Amino acid sequence: MTQKELTAKALASIEAHERECVVRYQSIERRLDSGAAKFVRLEQMIYGLYALVLGSVLVPLLISMG
């Protein structure tokens, strides 16, 4: 093989690798976005639990004071 052929082959290999990496990183990005949405939902559930716990403590106190 000549130097030009080797260079062309190496360049083609690098370009193929870059295409595969783009697909892989797009997949990773989709999974991260999906995970972020799940964390938002979990965060909202935790805030709901905070309200429930505080309400469970404060409501009986307010009732006993009145």
PDB file of N, CA and C in Angstrom:
ATOM      1  N   MET A   1       0.839  -1.186   0.000  1.00  0.00           N
ATOM      2  CA  MET A   1       0.000   0.000   0.000  1.00  0.00           C
ATOM      3  C   MET A   1       0.881   1.244   0.000  1.00  0.00           C
ATOM      4  N   THR A   2       0.406   2.221  -0.713  1.00  0.00           N
ATOM      5  CA  THR A   2       1.135   3.487  -0.740  1.00  0.00           C
ATOM      6  C   THR A   2       0.743   4.326   0.477  1.00  0.00           C
ATOM      7  N   GLN A   3       1.498   5.368   0.693  1.00  0.00           N
ATOM      8  CA  GLN A   3       1.224   6.256   1.824  1.00  0.00           C
ATOM      9  C   GLN A   3      -0.154   6.900   1.687  1.00  0.00           C
ATOM     10  N   LYS A   4      -0.542   7.268   0.470  1.00  0.00           N
ATOM     11  CA  LYS A   4      -1.864   7.871   0.245  1.00  0.00           C
ATOM     12  C   LYS A   4      -2.980   6.892   0.581  1.00  0.00           C
ATOM     13  N   GLU A   5      -2.802   5.645   0.197  1.00  0.00           N
ATOM     14  CA  GLU A   5      -3.818   4.628   0.479  1.00  0.00           C
ATOM     15  C   GLU A   5      -3.944   4.384   1.986  1.00  0.00           C
ATOM     16  N   LEU A   6      -2.807   4.324   2.656  1.00  0.00           N
ATOM     17  CA  LEU A   6      -2.834   4.138   4.111  1.00  0.00           C
ATOM     18  C   LEU A   6      -3.509   5.319   4.799  1.00  0.00           C
ATOM     19  N   THR A   7      -3.193   6.511   4.330  1.00  0.00           N
ATOM     20  CA  THR A   7      -3.799   7.710   4.905  1.00  0.00           C
ATOM     21  C   THR A   7      -5.306   7.711   4.677  1.00  0.00           C
ATOM     22  N   ALA A   8      -5.739   7.369   3.461  1.00  0.00           N
ATOM     23  CA  ALA A   8      -7.169   7.328   3.144  1.00  0.00           C
ATOM     24  C   ALA A   8      -7.878   6.274   3.989  1.00  0.00           C
ATOM     25  N   LYS A   9      -7.231   5.127   4.176  1.00  0.00           N
ATOM     26  CA  LYS A   9      -7.824   4.057   4.988  1.00  0.00           C
ATOM     27  C   LYS A   9      -7.939   4.498   6.451  1.00  0.00           C
ATOM     28  N   ALA A  10      -6.892   5.131   6.964  1.00  0.00           N
ATOM     29  CA  ALA A  10      -6.918   5.608   8.347  1.00  0.00           C
ATOM     30  C   ALA A  10      -7.991   6.676   8.534  1.00  0.00           C
ATOM     31  N   LEU A  11      -8.099   7.589   7.575  1.00  0.00           N
ATOM     32  CA  LEU A  11      -9.111   8.637   7.643  1.00  0.00           C
ATOM     33  C   LEU A  11     -10.517   8.046   7.608  1.00  0.00           C
ATOM     34  N   ALA A  12     -10.732   7.053   6.759  1.00  0.00           N
ATOM     35  CA  ALA A  12     -12.045   6.403   6.686  1.00  0.00           C
ATOM     36  C   ALA A  12     -12.371   5.713   8.003  1.00  0.00           C
ATOM     37  N   SER A  13     -11.359   5.100   8.604  1.00  0.00           N
ATOM     38  CA  SER A  13     -11.569   4.424   9.884  1.00  0.00           C
ATOM     39  C   SER A  13     -11.920   5.433  10.983  1.00  0.00           C
ATOM     40  N   ILE A  14     -11.219   6.554  11.001  1.00  0.00           N
ATOM     41  CA  ILE A  14     -11.509   7.596  11.989  1.00  0.00           C
ATOM     42  C   ILE A  14     -12.903   8.166  11.790  1.00  0.00           C
ATOM     43  N   GLU A  15     -13.291   8.401  10.551  1.00  0.00           N
ATOM     44  CA  GLU A  15     -14.630   8.939  10.272  1.00  0.00           C
ATOM     45  C   GLU A  15     -15.716   7.960  10.696  1.00  0.00           C
ATOM     46  N   ALA A  16     -15.490   6.665  10.450  1.00  0.00           N
ATOM     47  CA  ALA A  16     -16.459   5.651  10.881  1.00  0.00           C
ATOM     48  C   ALA A  16     -16.567   5.642  12.407  1.00  0.00           C
ATOM     49  N   HIS A  17     -15.421   5.751  13.069  1.00  0.00           N
ATOM     50  CA  HIS A  17     -15.410   5.786  14.536  1.00  0.00           C
ATOM     51  C   HIS A  17     -16.177   7.011  15.047  1.00  0.00           C
ATOM     52  N   GLU A  18     -15.983   8.148  14.418  1.00  0.00           N
ATOM     53  CA  GLU A  18     -16.686   9.358  14.835  1.00  0.00           C
ATOM     54  C   GLU A  18     -18.194   9.212  14.645  1.00  0.00           C
ATOM     55  N   ARG A  19     -18.628   8.577  13.554  1.00  0.00           N
ATOM     56  CA  ARG A  19     -20.069   8.364  13.349  1.00  0.00           C
ATOM     57  C   ARG A  19     -20.644   7.474  14.444  1.00  0.00           C
ATOM     58  N   GLU A  20     -19.906   6.422  14.799  1.00  0.00           N
ATOM     59  CA  GLU A  20     -20.368   5.527  15.860  1.00  0.00           C
ATOM     60  C   GLU A  20     -20.435   6.268  17.201  1.00  0.00           C
ATOM     61  N   CYS A  21     -19.464   7.123  17.452  1.00  0.00           N
ATOM     62  CA  CYS A  21     -19.455   7.881  18.705  1.00  0.00           C
ATOM     63  C   CYS A  21     -20.634   8.845  18.774  1.00  0.00           C
ATOM     64  N   VAL A  22     -20.982   9.450  17.663  1.00  0.00           N
ATOM     65  CA  VAL A  22     -22.129  10.364  17.652  1.00  0.00           C
ATOM     66  C   VAL A  22     -23.392   9.613  18.036  1.00  0.00           C
ATOM     67  N   VAL A  23     -23.580   8.434  17.471  1.00  0.00           N
ATOM     68  CA  VAL A  23     -24.764   7.628  17.792  1.00  0.00           C
ATOM     69  C   VAL A  23     -24.738   7.236  19.262  1.00  0.00           C
ATOM     70  N   ARG A  24     -23.575   6.832  19.755  1.00  0.00           N
ATOM     71  CA  ARG A  24     -23.450   6.409  21.149  1.00  0.00           C
ATOM     72  C   ARG A  24     -23.746   7.573  22.095  1.00  0.00           C
ATOM     73  N   TYR A  25     -23.195   8.738  21.807  1.00  0.00           N
ATOM     74  CA  TYR A  25     -23.415   9.895  22.684  1.00  0.00           C
ATOM     75  C   TYR A  25     -24.859  10.382  22.627  1.00  0.00           C
ATOM     76  N   GLN A  26     -25.517  10.250  21.480  1.00  0.00           N
ATOM     77  CA  GLN A  26     -26.937  10.606  21.404  1.00  0.00           C
ATOM     78  C   GLN A  26     -27.754   9.670  22.290  1.00  0.00           C
ATOM     79  N   SER A  27     -27.392   8.398  22.285  1.00  0.00           N
ATOM     80  CA  SER A  27     -28.090   7.430  23.140  1.00  0.00           C
ATOM     81  C   SER A  27     -27.863   7.755  24.617  1.00  0.00           C
ATOM     82  N   ILE A  28     -26.643   8.091  24.976  1.00  0.00           N
ATOM     83  CA  ILE A  28     -26.340   8.447  26.361  1.00  0.00           C
ATOM     84  C   ILE A  28     -27.126   9.692  26.763  1.00  0.00           C
ATOM     85  N   GLU A  29     -27.182  10.673  25.862  1.00  0.00           N
ATOM     86  CA  GLU A  29     -27.907  11.912  26.157  1.00  0.00           C
ATOM     87  C   GLU A  29     -29.395  11.636  26.383  1.00  0.00           C
ATOM     88  N   ARG A  30     -29.984  10.761  25.561  1.00  0.00           N
ATOM     89  CA  ARG A  30     -31.404  10.404  25.751  1.00  0.00           C
ATOM     90  C   ARG A  30     -31.620   9.745  27.100  1.00  0.00           C
ATOM     91  N   ARG A  31     -30.717   8.843  27.476  1.00  0.00           N
ATOM     92  CA  ARG A  31     -30.858   8.169  28.764  1.00  0.00           C
ATOM     93  C   ARG A  31     -30.697   9.135  29.920  1.00  0.00           C
ATOM     94  N   LEU A  32     -29.783  10.079  29.815  1.00  0.00           N
ATOM     95  CA  LEU A  32     -29.620  11.079  30.871  1.00  0.00           C
ATOM     96  C   LEU A  32     -30.862  11.958  30.991  1.00  0.00           C
ATOM     97  N   ASP A  33     -31.439  12.345  29.856  1.00  0.00           N
ATOM     98  CA  ASP A  33     -32.657  13.153  29.887  1.00  0.00           C
ATOM     99  C   ASP A  33     -33.797  12.382  30.537  1.00  0.00           C
ATOM    100  N   SER A  34     -33.893  11.101  30.214  1.00  0.00           N
ATOM    101  CA  SER A  34     -34.934  10.263  30.812  1.00  0.00           C
ATOM    102  C   SER A  34     -34.732  10.152  32.316  1.00  0.00           C
ATOM    103  N   GLY A  35     -33.495   9.986  32.742  1.00  0.00           N
ATOM    104  CA  GLY A  35     -33.197   9.899  34.169  1.00  0.00           C
ATOM    105  C   GLY A  35     -33.490  11.206  34.883  1.00  0.00           C
ATOM    106  N   ALA A  36     -33.234  12.326  34.217  1.00  0.00           N
ATOM    107  CA  ALA A  36     -33.511  13.633  34.823  1.00  0.00           C
ATOM    108  C   ALA A  36     -35.004  13.794  35.071  1.00  0.00           C
ATOM    109  N   ALA A  37     -35.816  13.326  34.126  1.00  0.00           N
ATOM    110  CA  ALA A  37     -37.266  13.415  34.295  1.00  0.00           C
ATOM    111  C   ALA A  37     -37.715  12.568  35.486  1.00  0.00           C
ATOM    112  N   LYS A  38     -37.100  11.409  35.664  1.00  0.00           N
ATOM    113  CA  LYS A  38     -37.450  10.559  36.808  1.00  0.00           C
ATOM    114  C   LYS A  38     -37.061  11.228  38.119  1.00  0.00           C
ATOM    115  N   PHE A  39     -35.912  11.903  38.140  1.00  0.00           N
ATOM    116  CA  PHE A  39     -35.487  12.587  39.355  1.00  0.00           C
ATOM    117  C   PHE A  39     -36.414  13.741  39.695  1.00  0.00           C
ATOM    118  N   VAL A  40     -36.939  14.432  38.689  1.00  0.00           N
ATOM    119  CA  VAL A  40     -37.888  15.520  38.948  1.00  0.00           C
ATOM    120  C   VAL A  40     -39.131  14.945  39.624  1.00  0.00           C
ATOM    121  N   ARG A  41     -39.600  13.823  39.116  1.00  0.00           N
ATOM    122  CA  ARG A  41     -40.781  13.192  39.712  1.00  0.00           C
ATOM    123  C   ARG A  41     -40.498  12.754  41.154  1.00  0.00           C
ATOM    124  N   LEU A  42     -39.340  12.162  41.389  1.00  0.00           N
ATOM    125  CA  LEU A  42     -38.985  11.751  42.753  1.00  0.00           C
ATOM    126  C   LEU A  42     -38.868  12.955  43.676  1.00  0.00           C
ATOM    127  N   GLU A  43     -38.312  14.035  43.163  1.00  0.00           N
ATOM    128  CA  GLU A  43     -38.192  15.255  43.958  1.00  0.00           C
ATOM    129  C   GLU A  43     -39.573  15.765  44.370  1.00  0.00           C
ATOM    130  N   GLN A  44     -40.519  15.726  43.459  1.00  0.00           N
ATOM    131  CA  GLN A  44     -41.880  16.172  43.763  1.00  0.00           C
ATOM    132  C   GLN A  44     -42.522  15.262  44.814  1.00  0.00           C
ATOM    133  N   MET A  45     -42.258  13.973  44.726  1.00  0.00           N
ATOM    134  CA  MET A  45     -42.800  13.051  45.718  1.00  0.00           C
ATOM    135  C   MET A  45     -42.208  13.330  47.101  1.00  0.00           C
ATOM    136  N   ILE A  46     -40.935  13.642  47.154  1.00  0.00           N
ATOM    137  CA  ILE A  46     -40.296  13.958  48.436  1.00  0.00           C
ATOM    138  C   ILE A  46     -40.892  15.224  49.031  1.00  0.00           C
ATOM    139  N   TYR A  47     -41.118  16.254  48.196  1.00  0.00           N
ATOM    140  CA  TYR A  47     -41.755  17.477  48.696  1.00  0.00           C
ATOM    141  C   TYR A  47     -43.145  17.171  49.242  1.00  0.00           C
ATOM    142  N   GLY A  48     -43.869  16.276  48.588  1.00  0.00           N
ATOM    143  CA  GLY A  48     -45.180  15.873  49.088  1.00  0.00           C
ATOM    144  C   GLY A  48     -45.074  15.191  50.444  1.00  0.00           C
ATOM    145  N   LEU A  49     -44.052  14.378  50.624  1.00  0.00           N
ATOM    146  CA  LEU A  49     -43.845  13.729  51.922  1.00  0.00           C
ATOM    147  C   LEU A  49     -43.509  14.751  53.003  1.00  0.00           C
ATOM    148  N   TYR A  50     -42.705  15.757  52.646  1.00  0.00           N
ATOM    149  CA  TYR A  50     -42.415  16.830  53.612  1.00  0.00           C
ATOM    150  C   TYR A  50     -43.713  17.482  54.090  1.00  0.00           C
ATOM    151  N   ALA A  51     -44.585  17.795  53.141  1.00  0.00           N
ATOM    152  CA  ALA A  51     -45.854  18.434  53.487  1.00  0.00           C
ATOM    153  C   ALA A  51     -46.692  17.509  54.374  1.00  0.00           C
ATOM    154  N   LEU A  52     -46.710  16.243  54.055  1.00  0.00           N
ATOM    155  CA  LEU A  52     -47.486  15.279  54.839  1.00  0.00           C
ATOM    156  C   LEU A  52     -46.952  15.174  56.272  1.00  0.00           C
ATOM    157  N   VAL A  53     -45.637  15.085  56.404  1.00  0.00           N
ATOM    158  CA  VAL A  53     -45.039  14.968  57.734  1.00  0.00           C
ATOM    159  C   VAL A  53     -45.286  16.237  58.545  1.00  0.00           C
ATOM    160  N   LEU A  54     -45.038  17.390  57.939  1.00  0.00           N
ATOM    161  CA  LEU A  54     -45.284  18.642  58.658  1.00  0.00           C
ATOM    162  C   LEU A  54     -46.756  18.798  59.019  1.00  0.00           C
ATOM    163  N   GLY A  55     -47.620  18.439  58.105  1.00  0.00           N
ATOM    164  CA  GLY A  55     -49.054  18.518  58.382  1.00  0.00           C
ATOM    165  C   GLY A  55     -49.457  17.588  59.505  1.00  0.00           C
ATOM    166  N   SER A  56     -48.870  16.398  59.541  1.00  0.00           N
ATOM    167  CA  SER A  56     -49.186  15.428  60.594  1.00  0.00           C
ATOM    168  C   SER A  56     -48.765  15.926  61.967  1.00  0.00           C
ATOM    169  N   VAL A  57     -47.748  16.758  62.008  1.00  0.00           N
ATOM    170  CA  VAL A  57     -47.275  17.298  63.280  1.00  0.00           C
ATOM    171  C   VAL A  57     -48.022  18.573  63.634  1.00  0.00           C
ATOM    172  N   LEU A  58     -48.177  19.456  62.671  1.00  0.00           N
ATOM    173  CA  LEU A  58     -48.747  20.782  62.955  1.00  0.00           C
ATOM    174  C   LEU A  58     -50.262  20.774  63.174  1.00  0.00           C
ATOM    175  N   VAL A  59     -50.987  19.970  62.421  1.00  0.00           N
ATOM    176  CA  VAL A  59     -52.457  19.954  62.550  1.00  0.00           C
ATOM    177  C   VAL A  59     -52.888  19.545  63.947  1.00  0.00           C
ATOM    178  N   PRO A  60     -52.367  18.463  64.526  1.00  0.00           N
ATOM    179  CA  PRO A  60     -52.769  18.130  65.912  1.00  0.00           C
ATOM    180  C   PRO A  60     -52.377  19.212  66.925  1.00  0.00           C
ATOM    181  N   LEU A  61     -51.224  19.855  66.699  1.00  0.00           N
ATOM    182  CA  LEU A  61     -50.829  20.944  67.608  1.00  0.00           C
ATOM    183  C   LEU A  61     -51.821  22.114  67.523  1.00  0.00           C
ATOM    184  N   LEU A  62     -52.195  22.473  66.318  1.00  0.00           N
ATOM    185  CA  LEU A  62     -53.137  23.581  66.144  1.00  0.00           C
ATOM    186  C   LEU A  62     -54.515  23.226  66.681  1.00  0.00           C
ATOM    187  N   ILE A  63     -54.921  21.974  66.534  1.00  0.00           N
ATOM    188  CA  ILE A  63     -56.222  21.546  67.048  1.00  0.00           C
ATOM    189  C   ILE A  63     -56.207  21.583  68.575  1.00  0.00           C
ATOM    190  N   SER A  64     -55.139  21.132  69.185  1.00  0.00           N
ATOM    191  CA  SER A  64     -55.081  21.107  70.658  1.00  0.00           C
ATOM    192  C   SER A  64     -54.976  22.519  71.239  1.00  0.00           C
ATOM    193  N   MET A  65     -54.481  23.469  70.490  1.00  0.00           N
ATOM    194  CA  MET A  65     -54.378  24.849  70.982  1.00  0.00           C
ATOM    195  C   MET A  65     -55.717  25.571  70.898  1.00  0.00           C
ATOM    196  N   GLY A  66     -56.551  25.169  69.982  1.00  0.00           N
ATOM    197  CA  GLY A  66     -57.808  25.866  69.752  1.00  0.00           C
ATOM    198  C   GLY A  66     -58.871  25.421  70.655  1.00  0.00           C
TER     199      GLY A  66
END
